[in-house]
Amino acid sequence: MNADILRFVTYCIGQLALRLHLPQQQVYRKLKSSGILYDYIVPSYDVLHTFGSRYLMDDLVEYMREKGVLDR
């Protein structure tokens, strides 16, 4: 993982934590255990990093719900 992707992952975790009112560590664990982190965010960096913040967070929250990581 290069520095740009690492910064992006850190940004996503921080913004999701704010949006979901959860600690960053818990968001990280949810993303990692569900496969979202390494099967979606990291490989899709080239596309995802072009999204606006609000759209990106909406997308990630919806995907977390689809994967059963968050309650509906």
PDB file of N, CA and C in Angstrom:
ATOM      1  N   MET A   1       0.867  -1.170   0.000  1.00  0.00           N
ATOM      2  CA  MET A   1       0.000   0.000   0.000  1.00  0.00           C
ATOM      3  C   MET A   1       0.911   1.230   0.000  1.00  0.00           C
ATOM      4  N   ASN A   2       0.695   2.099  -0.981  1.00  0.00           N
ATOM      5  CA  ASN A   2       1.537   3.300  -1.037  1.00  0.00           C
ATOM      6  C   ASN A   2       0.990   4.399  -0.117  1.00  0.00           C
ATOM      7  N   ALA A   3       1.746   5.461   0.012  1.00  0.00           N
ATOM      8  CA  ALA A   3       1.408   6.549   0.944  1.00  0.00           C
ATOM      9  C   ALA A   3       0.080   7.215   0.606  1.00  0.00           C
ATOM     10  N   ASP A   4      -0.230   7.385  -0.680  1.00  0.00           N
ATOM     11  CA  ASP A   4      -1.498   8.009  -1.071  1.00  0.00           C
ATOM     12  C   ASP A   4      -2.689   7.157  -0.630  1.00  0.00           C
ATOM     13  N   ILE A   5      -2.592   5.865  -0.834  1.00  0.00           N
ATOM     14  CA  ILE A   5      -3.683   4.966  -0.431  1.00  0.00           C
ATOM     15  C   ILE A   5      -3.805   4.942   1.089  1.00  0.00           C
ATOM     16  N   LEU A   6      -2.680   4.923   1.783  1.00  0.00           N
ATOM     17  CA  LEU A   6      -2.713   4.937   3.247  1.00  0.00           C
ATOM     18  C   LEU A   6      -3.384   6.203   3.767  1.00  0.00           C
ATOM     19  N   ARG A   7      -3.053   7.356   3.181  1.00  0.00           N
ATOM     20  CA  ARG A   7      -3.706   8.611   3.586  1.00  0.00           C
ATOM     21  C   ARG A   7      -5.209   8.556   3.313  1.00  0.00           C
ATOM     22  N   PHE A   8      -5.586   7.984   2.173  1.00  0.00           N
ATOM     23  CA  PHE A   8      -6.997   7.873   1.812  1.00  0.00           C
ATOM     24  C   PHE A   8      -7.741   6.960   2.777  1.00  0.00           C
ATOM     25  N   VAL A   9      -7.153   5.825   3.108  1.00  0.00           N
ATOM     26  CA  VAL A   9      -7.769   4.893   4.060  1.00  0.00           C
ATOM     27  C   VAL A   9      -7.937   5.579   5.414  1.00  0.00           C
ATOM     28  N   THR A  10      -6.915   6.290   5.848  1.00  0.00           N
ATOM     29  CA  THR A  10      -6.978   7.007   7.123  1.00  0.00           C
ATOM     30  C   THR A  10      -8.089   8.058   7.094  1.00  0.00           C
ATOM     31  N   TYR A  11      -8.191   8.765   5.983  1.00  0.00           N
ATOM     32  CA  TYR A  11      -9.256   9.761   5.815  1.00  0.00           C
ATOM     33  C   TYR A  11     -10.628   9.092   5.901  1.00  0.00           C
ATOM     34  N   CYS A  12     -10.814   7.990   5.186  1.00  0.00           N
ATOM     35  CA  CYS A  12     -12.104   7.286   5.187  1.00  0.00           C
ATOM     36  C   CYS A  12     -12.481   6.843   6.593  1.00  0.00           C
ATOM     37  N   ILE A  13     -11.531   6.268   7.298  1.00  0.00           N
ATOM     38  CA  ILE A  13     -11.800   5.797   8.664  1.00  0.00           C
ATOM     39  C   ILE A  13     -12.183   6.972   9.557  1.00  0.00           C
ATOM     40  N   GLY A  14     -11.452   8.057   9.474  1.00  0.00           N
ATOM     41  CA  GLY A  14     -11.749   9.235  10.296  1.00  0.00           C
ATOM     42  C   GLY A  14     -13.112   9.829   9.998  1.00  0.00           C
ATOM     43  N   GLN A  15     -13.436   9.958   8.711  1.00  0.00           N
ATOM     44  CA  GLN A  15     -14.727  10.537   8.332  1.00  0.00           C
ATOM     45  C   GLN A  15     -15.893   9.608   8.684  1.00  0.00           C
ATOM     46  N   LEU A  16     -15.694   8.308   8.501  1.00  0.00           N
ATOM     47  CA  LEU A  16     -16.743   7.355   8.898  1.00  0.00           C
ATOM     48  C   LEU A  16     -16.959   7.396  10.404  1.00  0.00           C
ATOM     49  N   ALA A  17     -15.885   7.500  11.164  1.00  0.00           N
ATOM     50  CA  ALA A  17     -15.999   7.577  12.623  1.00  0.00           C
ATOM     51  C   ALA A  17     -16.831   8.788  13.034  1.00  0.00           C
ATOM     52  N   LEU A  18     -16.578   9.918  12.399  1.00  0.00           N
ATOM     53  CA  LEU A  18     -17.367  11.120  12.698  1.00  0.00           C
ATOM     54  C   LEU A  18     -18.830  10.919  12.308  1.00  0.00           C
ATOM     55  N   ARG A  19     -19.043  10.384  11.136  1.00  0.00           N
ATOM     56  CA  ARG A  19     -20.407  10.207  10.630  1.00  0.00           C
ATOM     57  C   ARG A  19     -21.211   9.217  11.463  1.00  0.00           C
ATOM     58  N   LEU A  20     -20.545   8.130  11.884  1.00  0.00           N
ATOM     59  CA  LEU A  20     -21.241   7.056  12.600  1.00  0.00           C
ATOM     60  C   LEU A  20     -21.188   7.232  14.119  1.00  0.00           C
ATOM     61  N   HIS A  21     -20.475   8.247  14.571  1.00  0.00           N
ATOM     62  CA  HIS A  21     -20.302   8.495  16.011  1.00  0.00           C
ATOM     63  C   HIS A  21     -19.718   7.264  16.704  1.00  0.00           C
ATOM     64  N   LEU A  22     -18.662   6.730  16.089  1.00  0.00           N
ATOM     65  CA  LEU A  22     -17.961   5.565  16.623  1.00  0.00           C
ATOM     66  C   LEU A  22     -16.475   5.895  16.728  1.00  0.00           C
ATOM     67  N   PRO A  23     -15.765   5.206  17.622  1.00  0.00           N
ATOM     68  CA  PRO A  23     -14.311   5.393  17.675  1.00  0.00           C
ATOM     69  C   PRO A  23     -13.656   4.908  16.377  1.00  0.00           C
ATOM     70  N   GLN A  24     -12.572   5.553  15.996  1.00  0.00           N
ATOM     71  CA  GLN A  24     -11.882   5.167  14.771  1.00  0.00           C
ATOM     72  C   GLN A  24     -11.425   3.720  14.797  1.00  0.00           C
ATOM     73  N   GLN A  25     -10.983   3.233  15.955  1.00  0.00           N
ATOM     74  CA  GLN A  25     -10.532   1.847  16.062  1.00  0.00           C
ATOM     75  C   GLN A  25     -11.662   0.881  15.725  1.00  0.00           C
ATOM     76  N   GLN A  26     -12.866   1.201  16.172  1.00  0.00           N
ATOM     77  CA  GLN A  26     -14.017   0.334  15.903  1.00  0.00           C
ATOM     78  C   GLN A  26     -14.373   0.351  14.414  1.00  0.00           C
ATOM     79  N   VAL A  27     -14.305   1.515  13.797  1.00  0.00           N
ATOM     80  CA  VAL A  27     -14.568   1.613  12.356  1.00  0.00           C
ATOM     81  C   VAL A  27     -13.534   0.793  11.595  1.00  0.00           C
ATOM     82  N   TYR A  28     -12.270   0.940  11.959  1.00  0.00           N
ATOM     83  CA  TYR A  28     -11.207   0.168  11.311  1.00  0.00           C
ATOM     84  C   TYR A  28     -11.478  -1.329  11.426  1.00  0.00           C
ATOM     85  N   ARG A  29     -11.818  -1.792  12.630  1.00  0.00           N
ATOM     86  CA  ARG A  29     -12.086  -3.227  12.823  1.00  0.00           C
ATOM     87  C   ARG A  29     -13.264  -3.698  11.986  1.00  0.00           C
ATOM     88  N   LYS A  30     -14.308  -2.880  11.892  1.00  0.00           N
ATOM     89  CA  LYS A  30     -15.474  -3.244  11.089  1.00  0.00           C
ATOM     90  C   LYS A  30     -15.111  -3.343   9.606  1.00  0.00           C
ATOM     91  N   LEU A  31     -14.350  -2.372   9.122  1.00  0.00           N
ATOM     92  CA  LEU A  31     -13.952  -2.386   7.714  1.00  0.00           C
ATOM     93  C   LEU A  31     -13.034  -3.566   7.417  1.00  0.00           C
ATOM     94  N   LYS A  32     -12.110  -3.836   8.311  1.00  0.00           N
ATOM     95  CA  LYS A  32     -11.157  -4.926   8.096  1.00  0.00           C
ATOM     96  C   LYS A  32     -11.844  -6.286   8.177  1.00  0.00           C
ATOM     97  N   SER A  33     -12.646  -6.497   9.210  1.00  0.00           N
ATOM     98  CA  SER A  33     -13.268  -7.817   9.404  1.00  0.00           C
ATOM     99  C   SER A  33     -14.297  -8.146   8.329  1.00  0.00           C
ATOM    100  N   SER A  34     -14.908  -7.134   7.751  1.00  0.00           N
ATOM    101  CA  SER A  34     -15.929  -7.361   6.724  1.00  0.00           C
ATOM    102  C   SER A  34     -15.324  -7.514   5.326  1.00  0.00           C
ATOM    103  N   GLY A  35     -14.034  -7.218   5.196  1.00  0.00           N
ATOM    104  CA  GLY A  35     -13.389  -7.278   3.894  1.00  0.00           C
ATOM    105  C   GLY A  35     -13.505  -5.988   3.105  1.00  0.00           C
ATOM    106  N   ILE A  36     -14.241  -5.031   3.620  1.00  0.00           N
ATOM    107  CA  ILE A  36     -14.443  -3.781   2.892  1.00  0.00           C
ATOM    108  C   ILE A  36     -13.124  -3.041   2.696  1.00  0.00           C
ATOM    109  N   LEU A  37     -12.269  -3.081   3.692  1.00  0.00           N
ATOM    110  CA  LEU A  37     -11.021  -2.339   3.624  1.00  0.00           C
ATOM    111  C   LEU A  37     -10.122  -2.844   2.496  1.00  0.00           C
ATOM    112  N   TYR A  38      -9.811  -4.139   2.513  1.00  0.00           N
ATOM    113  CA  TYR A  38      -8.836  -4.673   1.554  1.00  0.00           C
ATOM    114  C   TYR A  38      -9.457  -5.230   0.281  1.00  0.00           C
ATOM    115  N   ASP A  39     -10.765  -5.446   0.283  1.00  0.00           N
ATOM    116  CA  ASP A  39     -11.419  -5.961  -0.923  1.00  0.00           C
ATOM    117  C   ASP A  39     -12.173  -4.880  -1.699  1.00  0.00           C
ATOM    118  N   TYR A  40     -12.356  -3.708  -1.095  1.00  0.00           N
ATOM    119  CA  TYR A  40     -13.101  -2.643  -1.765  1.00  0.00           C
ATOM    120  C   TYR A  40     -12.351  -1.312  -1.758  1.00  0.00           C
ATOM    121  N   ILE A  41     -12.061  -0.788  -0.579  1.00  0.00           N
ATOM    122  CA  ILE A  41     -11.477   0.551  -0.500  1.00  0.00           C
ATOM    123  C   ILE A  41     -10.090   0.598  -1.146  1.00  0.00           C
ATOM    124  N   VAL A  42      -9.202  -0.289  -0.737  1.00  0.00           N
ATOM    125  CA  VAL A  42      -7.833  -0.252  -1.265  1.00  0.00           C
ATOM    126  C   VAL A  42      -7.799  -0.519  -2.773  1.00  0.00           C
ATOM    127  N   PRO A  43      -8.423  -1.600  -3.267  1.00  0.00           N
ATOM    128  CA  PRO A  43      -8.331  -1.829  -4.711  1.00  0.00           C
ATOM    129  C   PRO A  43      -9.098  -0.811  -5.559  1.00  0.00           C
ATOM    130  N   SER A  44     -10.073  -0.134  -4.969  1.00  0.00           N
ATOM    131  CA  SER A  44     -10.876   0.840  -5.710  1.00  0.00           C
ATOM    132  C   SER A  44     -10.413   2.273  -5.490  1.00  0.00           C
ATOM    133  N   TYR A  45      -9.238   2.437  -4.901  1.00  0.00           N
ATOM    134  CA  TYR A  45      -8.725   3.771  -4.590  1.00  0.00           C
ATOM    135  C   TYR A  45      -8.773   4.709  -5.791  1.00  0.00           C
ATOM    136  N   ASP A  46      -8.339   4.229  -6.950  1.00  0.00           N
ATOM    137  CA  ASP A  46      -8.268   5.098  -8.138  1.00  0.00           C
ATOM    138  C   ASP A  46      -9.604   5.761  -8.457  1.00  0.00           C
ATOM    139  N   VAL A  47     -10.700   5.059  -8.223  1.00  0.00           N
ATOM    140  CA  VAL A  47     -12.024   5.616  -8.482  1.00  0.00           C
ATOM    141  C   VAL A  47     -12.559   6.342  -7.250  1.00  0.00           C
ATOM    142  N   LEU A  48     -12.482   5.686  -6.099  1.00  0.00           N
ATOM    143  CA  LEU A  48     -13.083   6.241  -4.886  1.00  0.00           C
ATOM    144  C   LEU A  48     -12.493   7.597  -4.499  1.00  0.00           C
ATOM    145  N   HIS A  49     -11.202   7.794  -4.705  1.00  0.00           N
ATOM    146  CA  HIS A  49     -10.611   9.054  -4.251  1.00  0.00           C
ATOM    147  C   HIS A  49     -11.061  10.243  -5.099  1.00  0.00           C
ATOM    148  N   THR A  50     -11.750   9.992  -6.193  1.00  0.00           N
ATOM    149  CA  THR A  50     -12.262  11.094  -7.016  1.00  0.00           C
ATOM    150  C   THR A  50     -13.654  11.546  -6.559  1.00  0.00           C
ATOM    151  N   PHE A  51     -14.286  10.767  -5.683  1.00  0.00           N
ATOM    152  CA  PHE A  51     -15.633  11.105  -5.200  1.00  0.00           C
ATOM    153  C   PHE A  51     -15.566  12.259  -4.206  1.00  0.00           C
ATOM    154  N   GLY A  52     -16.628  13.023  -4.137  1.00  0.00           N
ATOM    155  CA  GLY A  52     -16.754  14.025  -3.088  1.00  0.00           C
ATOM    156  C   GLY A  52     -16.912  13.328  -1.749  1.00  0.00           C
ATOM    157  N   SER A  53     -16.567  14.023  -0.687  1.00  0.00           N
ATOM    158  CA  SER A  53     -16.582  13.432   0.649  1.00  0.00           C
ATOM    159  C   SER A  53     -17.961  12.880   1.031  1.00  0.00           C
ATOM    160  N   ARG A  54     -18.992  13.658   0.790  1.00  0.00           N
ATOM    161  CA  ARG A  54     -20.332  13.218   1.187  1.00  0.00           C
ATOM    162  C   ARG A  54     -20.763  11.976   0.412  1.00  0.00           C
ATOM    163  N   TYR A  55     -20.520  11.983  -0.897  1.00  0.00           N
ATOM    164  CA  TYR A  55     -20.879  10.830  -1.720  1.00  0.00           C
ATOM    165  C   TYR A  55     -20.074   9.604  -1.293  1.00  0.00           C
ATOM    166  N   LEU A  56     -18.793   9.796  -1.020  1.00  0.00           N
ATOM    167  CA  LEU A  56     -17.936   8.698  -0.590  1.00  0.00           C
ATOM    168  C   LEU A  56     -18.442   8.093   0.719  1.00  0.00           C
ATOM    169  N   MET A  57     -18.777   8.942   1.677  1.00  0.00           N
ATOM    170  CA  MET A  57     -19.257   8.430   2.962  1.00  0.00           C
ATOM    171  C   MET A  57     -20.611   7.726   2.791  1.00  0.00           C
ATOM    172  N   ASP A  58     -21.492   8.293   1.966  1.00  0.00           N
ATOM    173  CA  ASP A  58     -22.771   7.625   1.690  1.00  0.00           C
ATOM    174  C   ASP A  58     -22.540   6.241   1.098  1.00  0.00           C
ATOM    175  N   ASP A  59     -21.606   6.158   0.151  1.00  0.00           N
ATOM    176  CA  ASP A  59     -21.289   4.894  -0.505  1.00  0.00           C
ATOM    177  C   ASP A  59     -20.748   3.873   0.498  1.00  0.00           C
ATOM    178  N   LEU A  60     -19.812   4.300   1.328  1.00  0.00           N
ATOM    179  CA  LEU A  60     -19.209   3.379   2.289  1.00  0.00           C
ATOM    180  C   LEU A  60     -20.200   2.938   3.356  1.00  0.00           C
ATOM    181  N   VAL A  61     -21.028   3.848   3.840  1.00  0.00           N
ATOM    182  CA  VAL A  61     -22.031   3.491   4.845  1.00  0.00           C
ATOM    183  C   VAL A  61     -23.024   2.494   4.253  1.00  0.00           C
ATOM    184  N   GLU A  62     -23.471   2.728   3.041  1.00  0.00           N
ATOM    185  CA  GLU A  62     -24.409   1.806   2.399  1.00  0.00           C
ATOM    186  C   GLU A  62     -23.774   0.431   2.209  1.00  0.00           C
ATOM    187  N   TYR A  63     -22.523   0.409   1.793  1.00  0.00           N
ATOM    188  CA  TYR A  63     -21.840  -0.874   1.602  1.00  0.00           C
ATOM    189  C   TYR A  63     -21.661  -1.592   2.938  1.00  0.00           C
ATOM    190  N   MET A  64     -21.364  -0.852   3.996  1.00  0.00           N
ATOM    191  CA  MET A  64     -21.255  -1.453   5.326  1.00  0.00           C
ATOM    192  C   MET A  64     -22.591  -2.063   5.738  1.00  0.00           C
ATOM    193  N   ARG A  65     -23.680  -1.405   5.411  1.00  0.00           N
ATOM    194  CA  ARG A  65     -25.004  -1.960   5.723  1.00  0.00           C
ATOM    195  C   ARG A  65     -25.264  -3.225   4.915  1.00  0.00           C
ATOM    196  N   GLU A  66     -24.930  -3.194   3.624  1.00  0.00           N
ATOM    197  CA  GLU A  66     -25.121  -4.371   2.765  1.00  0.00           C
ATOM    198  C   GLU A  66     -24.323  -5.568   3.272  1.00  0.00           C
ATOM    199  N   LYS A  67     -23.137  -5.317   3.801  1.00  0.00           N
ATOM    200  CA  LYS A  67     -22.283  -6.391   4.317  1.00  0.00           C
ATOM    201  C   LYS A  67     -22.670  -6.823   5.730  1.00  0.00           C
ATOM    202  N   GLY A  68     -23.662  -6.141   6.331  1.00  0.00           N
ATOM    203  CA  GLY A  68     -24.117  -6.500   7.667  1.00  0.00           C
ATOM    204  C   GLY A  68     -23.252  -5.955   8.792  1.00  0.00           C
ATOM    205  N   VAL A  69     -22.406  -4.987   8.471  1.00  0.00           N
ATOM    206  CA  VAL A  69     -21.515  -4.412   9.481  1.00  0.00           C
ATOM    207  C   VAL A  69     -22.256  -3.361  10.304  1.00  0.00           C
ATOM    208  N   LEU A  70     -23.250  -2.724   9.715  1.00  0.00           N
ATOM    209  CA  LEU A  70     -24.063  -1.713  10.392  1.00  0.00           C
ATOM    210  C   LEU A  70     -25.525  -2.114  10.344  1.00  0.00           C
ATOM    211  N   ASP A  71     -26.256  -1.697  11.344  1.00  0.00           N
ATOM    212  CA  ASP A  71     -27.701  -1.888  11.324  1.00  0.00           C
ATOM    213  C   ASP A  71     -28.299  -0.947  10.295  1.00  0.00           C
ATOM    214  N   ARG A  72     -29.410  -1.321   9.775  1.00  0.00           N
ATOM    215  CA  ARG A  72     -30.099  -0.474   8.779  1.00  0.00           C
ATOM    216  C   ARG A  72     -30.692   0.669   9.448  1.00  0.00           C
TER     217      ARG A  72
END
